[in-house]
C-alpha atoms as a PDB file:
ATOM      1  CA  UNK A   1     136.918   8.465 -12.532  1.00  0.00           C
ATOM      2  CA  UNK A   2     136.189  11.534 -14.616  1.00  0.00           C
ATOM      3  CA  UNK A   3     138.509  12.514 -17.422  1.00  0.00           C
ATOM      4  CA  UNK A   4     139.908  15.952 -18.056  1.00  0.00           C
ATOM      5  CA  UNK A   5     137.566  18.273 -19.915  1.00  0.00           C
ATOM      6  CA  UNK A   6     139.949  18.375 -22.916  1.00  0.00           C
ATOM      7  CA  UNK A   7     139.520  14.649 -23.599  1.00  0.00           C
ATOM      8  CA  UNK A   8     139.167  14.144 -27.334  1.00  0.00           C
ATOM      9  CA  UNK A   9     135.917  12.530 -28.390  1.00  0.00           C
ATOM     10  CA  UNK A  10     135.544  10.725 -31.658  1.00  0.00           C
ATOM     11  CA  UNK A  11     132.860  11.876 -34.088  1.00  0.00           C
ATOM     12  CA  UNK A  12     130.957   8.672 -33.273  1.00  0.00           C
ATOM     13  CA  UNK A  13     131.066   9.467 -29.533  1.00  0.00           C
ATOM     14  CA  UNK A  14     129.898  13.040 -30.164  1.00  0.00           C
ATOM     15  CA  UNK A  15     127.038  11.730 -32.277  1.00  0.00           C
ATOM     16  CA  UNK A  16     126.053   9.302 -29.503  1.00  0.00           C
ATOM     17  CA  UNK A  17     126.269  12.090 -26.918  1.00  0.00           C
ATOM     18  CA  UNK A  18     123.906  14.300 -28.925  1.00  0.00           C
ATOM     19  CA  UNK A  19     121.506  11.454 -29.754  1.00  0.00           C
ATOM     20  CA  UNK A  20     121.339  10.316 -26.132  1.00  0.00           C
ATOM     21  CA  UNK A  21     120.663  13.870 -24.954  1.00  0.00           C
ATOM     22  CA  UNK A  22     117.866  14.268 -27.504  1.00  0.00           C
ATOM     23  CA  UNK A  23     116.479  10.906 -26.345  1.00  0.00           C
ATOM     24  CA  UNK A  24     116.129  12.329 -22.819  1.00  0.00           C
ATOM     25  CA  UNK A  25     119.389  11.515 -21.043  1.00  0.00           C
ATOM     26  CA  UNK A  26     120.488  14.130 -18.523  1.00  0.00           C
ATOM     27  CA  UNK A  27     123.809  15.926 -18.737  1.00  0.00           C
ATOM     28  CA  UNK A  28     124.811  14.281 -15.439  1.00  0.00           C
ATOM     29  CA  UNK A  29     124.093  10.798 -16.825  1.00  0.00           C
ATOM     30  CA  UNK A  30     125.945  11.568 -20.049  1.00  0.00           C
ATOM     31  CA  UNK A  31     128.945  12.914 -18.133  1.00  0.00           C
ATOM     32  CA  UNK A  32     129.174   9.659 -16.192  1.00  0.00           C
ATOM     33  CA  UNK A  33     128.779   7.550 -19.341  1.00  0.00           C
ATOM     34  CA  UNK A  34     131.429   9.406 -21.329  1.00  0.00           C
ATOM     35  CA  UNK A  35     133.860  10.034 -18.458  1.00  0.00           C
ATOM     36  CA  UNK A  36     133.531  13.815 -18.559  1.00  0.00           C
ATOM     37  CA  UNK A  37     132.661  16.486 -16.050  1.00  0.00           C
ATOM     38  CA  UNK A  38     129.162  17.949 -16.099  1.00  0.00           C
ATOM     39  CA  UNK A  39     130.470  21.224 -17.531  1.00  0.00           C
ATOM     40  CA  UNK A  40     132.614  19.541 -20.186  1.00  0.00           C
ATOM     41  CA  UNK A  41     129.595  17.523 -21.302  1.00  0.00           C
ATOM     42  CA  UNK A  42     127.455  20.660 -21.383  1.00  0.00           C
ATOM     43  CA  UNK A  43     130.103  22.493 -23.422  1.00  0.00           C
ATOM     44  CA  UNK A  44     130.325  19.620 -25.924  1.00  0.00           C
ATOM     45  CA  UNK A  45     126.558  19.609 -26.402  1.00  0.00           C
ATOM     46  CA  UNK A  46     126.509  23.369 -26.946  1.00  0.00           C
ATOM     47  CA  UNK A  47     129.451  23.145 -29.363  1.00  0.00           C
ATOM     48  CA  UNK A  48     127.456  20.582 -31.363  1.00  0.00           C
ATOM     49  CA  UNK A  49     124.598  23.083 -31.658  1.00  0.00           C
ATOM     50  CA  UNK A  50     122.264  21.386 -29.181  1.00  0.00           C
ATOM     51  CA  UNK A  51     119.620  23.583 -27.535  1.00  0.00           C
ATOM     52  CA  UNK A  52     119.656  22.557 -23.897  1.00  0.00           C
ATOM     53  CA  UNK A  53     116.445  21.675 -22.120  1.00  0.00           C
ATOM     54  CA  UNK A  54     115.116  24.041 -19.529  1.00  0.00           C
ATOM     55  CA  UNK A  55     116.322  23.281 -16.011  1.00  0.00           C
ATOM     56  CA  UNK A  56     113.554  22.975 -13.442  1.00  0.00           C
ATOM     57  CA  UNK A  57     109.939  22.102 -13.641  1.00  0.00           C
ATOM     58  CA  UNK A  58     108.136  22.431 -16.913  1.00  0.00           C
ATOM     59  CA  UNK A  59     105.438  25.067 -16.842  1.00  0.00           C
ATOM     60  CA  UNK A  60     101.996  23.539 -16.578  1.00  0.00           C
ATOM     61  CA  UNK A  61      99.257  24.296 -19.061  1.00  0.00           C
ATOM     62  CA  UNK A  62      96.229  26.061 -17.672  1.00  0.00           C
ATOM     63  CA  UNK A  63      93.181  23.768 -17.566  1.00  0.00           C
ATOM     64  CA  UNK A  64      90.527  24.561 -20.202  1.00  0.00           C
ATOM     65  CA  UNK A  65      88.050  27.142 -19.013  1.00  0.00           C
ATOM     66  CA  UNK A  66      90.013  28.169 -15.922  1.00  0.00           C
ATOM     67  CA  UNK A  67      90.902  31.678 -17.160  1.00  0.00           C
ATOM     68  CA  UNK A  68      87.335  32.278 -18.356  1.00  0.00           C
ATOM     69  CA  UNK A  69      85.934  31.076 -15.020  1.00  0.00           C
ATOM     70  CA  UNK A  70      88.200  33.520 -13.163  1.00  0.00           C
ATOM     71  CA  UNK A  71      87.208  36.361 -15.481  1.00  0.00           C
ATOM     72  CA  UNK A  72      83.567  35.443 -14.851  1.00  0.00           C
ATOM     73  CA  UNK A  73      83.940  35.743 -11.084  1.00  0.00           C
ATOM     74  CA  UNK A  74      85.370  32.513  -9.684  1.00  0.00           C
ATOM     75  CA  UNK A  75      88.059  33.011  -7.059  1.00  0.00           C
ATOM     76  CA  UNK A  76      91.523  31.499  -7.171  1.00  0.00           C
ATOM     77  CA  UNK A  77      90.794  29.242  -4.148  1.00  0.00           C
ATOM     78  CA  UNK A  78      87.625  27.990  -5.882  1.00  0.00           C
ATOM     79  CA  UNK A  79      89.507  27.298  -9.106  1.00  0.00           C
ATOM     80  CA  UNK A  80      92.374  25.634  -7.257  1.00  0.00           C
ATOM     81  CA  UNK A  81      89.976  23.281  -5.502  1.00  0.00           C
ATOM     82  CA  UNK A  82      87.981  22.587  -8.675  1.00  0.00           C
ATOM     83  CA  UNK A  83      91.116  21.668 -10.634  1.00  0.00           C
ATOM     84  CA  UNK A  84      93.025  19.924  -7.832  1.00  0.00           C
ATOM     85  CA  UNK A  85      95.757  22.567  -7.665  1.00  0.00           C
ATOM     86  CA  UNK A  86      97.378  24.551  -4.899  1.00  0.00           C
ATOM     87  CA  UNK A  87      96.493  28.234  -4.634  1.00  0.00           C
ATOM     88  CA  UNK A  88     100.001  29.218  -5.775  1.00  0.00           C
ATOM     89  CA  UNK A  89      99.972  26.974  -8.853  1.00  0.00           C
ATOM     90  CA  UNK A  90      96.494  28.173  -9.865  1.00  0.00           C
ATOM     91  CA  UNK A  91      97.574  31.801  -9.435  1.00  0.00           C
ATOM     92  CA  UNK A  92     100.762  31.305 -11.488  1.00  0.00           C
ATOM     93  CA  UNK A  93      98.784  29.599 -14.247  1.00  0.00           C
ATOM     94  CA  UNK A  94      96.364  32.508 -14.441  1.00  0.00           C
ATOM     95  CA  UNK A  95      99.210  35.019 -14.582  1.00  0.00           C
ATOM     96  CA  UNK A  96     101.023  32.993 -17.248  1.00  0.00           C
ATOM     97  CA  UNK A  97      97.788  32.992 -19.280  1.00  0.00           C
ATOM     98  CA  UNK A  98      97.753  36.807 -19.166  1.00  0.00           C
ATOM     99  CA  UNK A  99      94.840  37.136 -16.748  1.00  0.00           C
ATOM    100  CA  UNK A 100      94.694  40.378 -14.733  1.00  0.00           C
ATOM    101  CA  UNK A 101      94.131  39.338 -11.133  1.00  0.00           C
ATOM    102  CA  UNK A 102      91.638  41.049  -8.846  1.00  0.00           C
ATOM    103  CA  UNK A 103      92.628  42.318  -5.405  1.00  0.00           C
ATOM    104  CA  UNK A 104      92.445  39.646  -2.662  1.00  0.00           C
ATOM    105  CA  UNK A 105      88.842  39.136  -1.585  1.00  0.00           C
ATOM    106  CA  UNK A 106      87.441  41.194  -4.460  1.00  0.00           C
ATOM    107  CA  UNK A 107      84.630  39.548  -6.419  1.00  0.00           C
ATOM    108  CA  UNK A 108      83.061  40.773  -9.604  1.00  0.00           C
ATOM    109  CA  UNK A 109      79.976  42.869  -9.155  1.00  0.00           C
ATOM    110  CA  UNK A 110      76.877  41.605 -10.932  1.00  0.00           C
ATOM    111  CA  UNK A 111      77.089  44.534 -13.366  1.00  0.00           C
ATOM    112  CA  UNK A 112      80.770  43.666 -14.126  1.00  0.00           C
ATOM    113  CA  UNK A 113      80.196  39.976 -14.693  1.00  0.00           C
ATOM    114  CA  UNK A 114      80.087  38.677 -18.217  1.00  0.00           C
ATOM    115  CA  UNK A 115      76.677  37.684 -19.607  1.00  0.00           C
ATOM    116  CA  UNK A 116      75.601  34.260 -18.388  1.00  0.00           C
ATOM    117  CA  UNK A 117      78.163  34.185 -15.564  1.00  0.00           C
ATOM    118  CA  UNK A 118      77.418  33.424 -11.962  1.00  0.00           C
ATOM    119  CA  UNK A 119      79.376  35.651  -9.542  1.00  0.00           C
END
């Protein structure tokens, strides 16, 4: 049974709450452990100065050389296949890396390609 959000926590409990969160425990798990609601647990963490982790998937790092390969003429489908990614993930990685995307189907012309590249 969950307690009311105004339940008083001892300094030792607050310390354990913060330590467990920093160790990777979720707010949901901490709420269950300490008998609080999700929102009361979240409020306690914030009141203790904790920076909450981002909700949702962690952005993936772009594989080495992927942005350069795109700039040198590789297409997103080619890069996705080469790196074992979906088209959408490869595209989002390129955008997150600051790459300006070409129009769909557009390839670099030989004169536009960087020296040593293979369009």
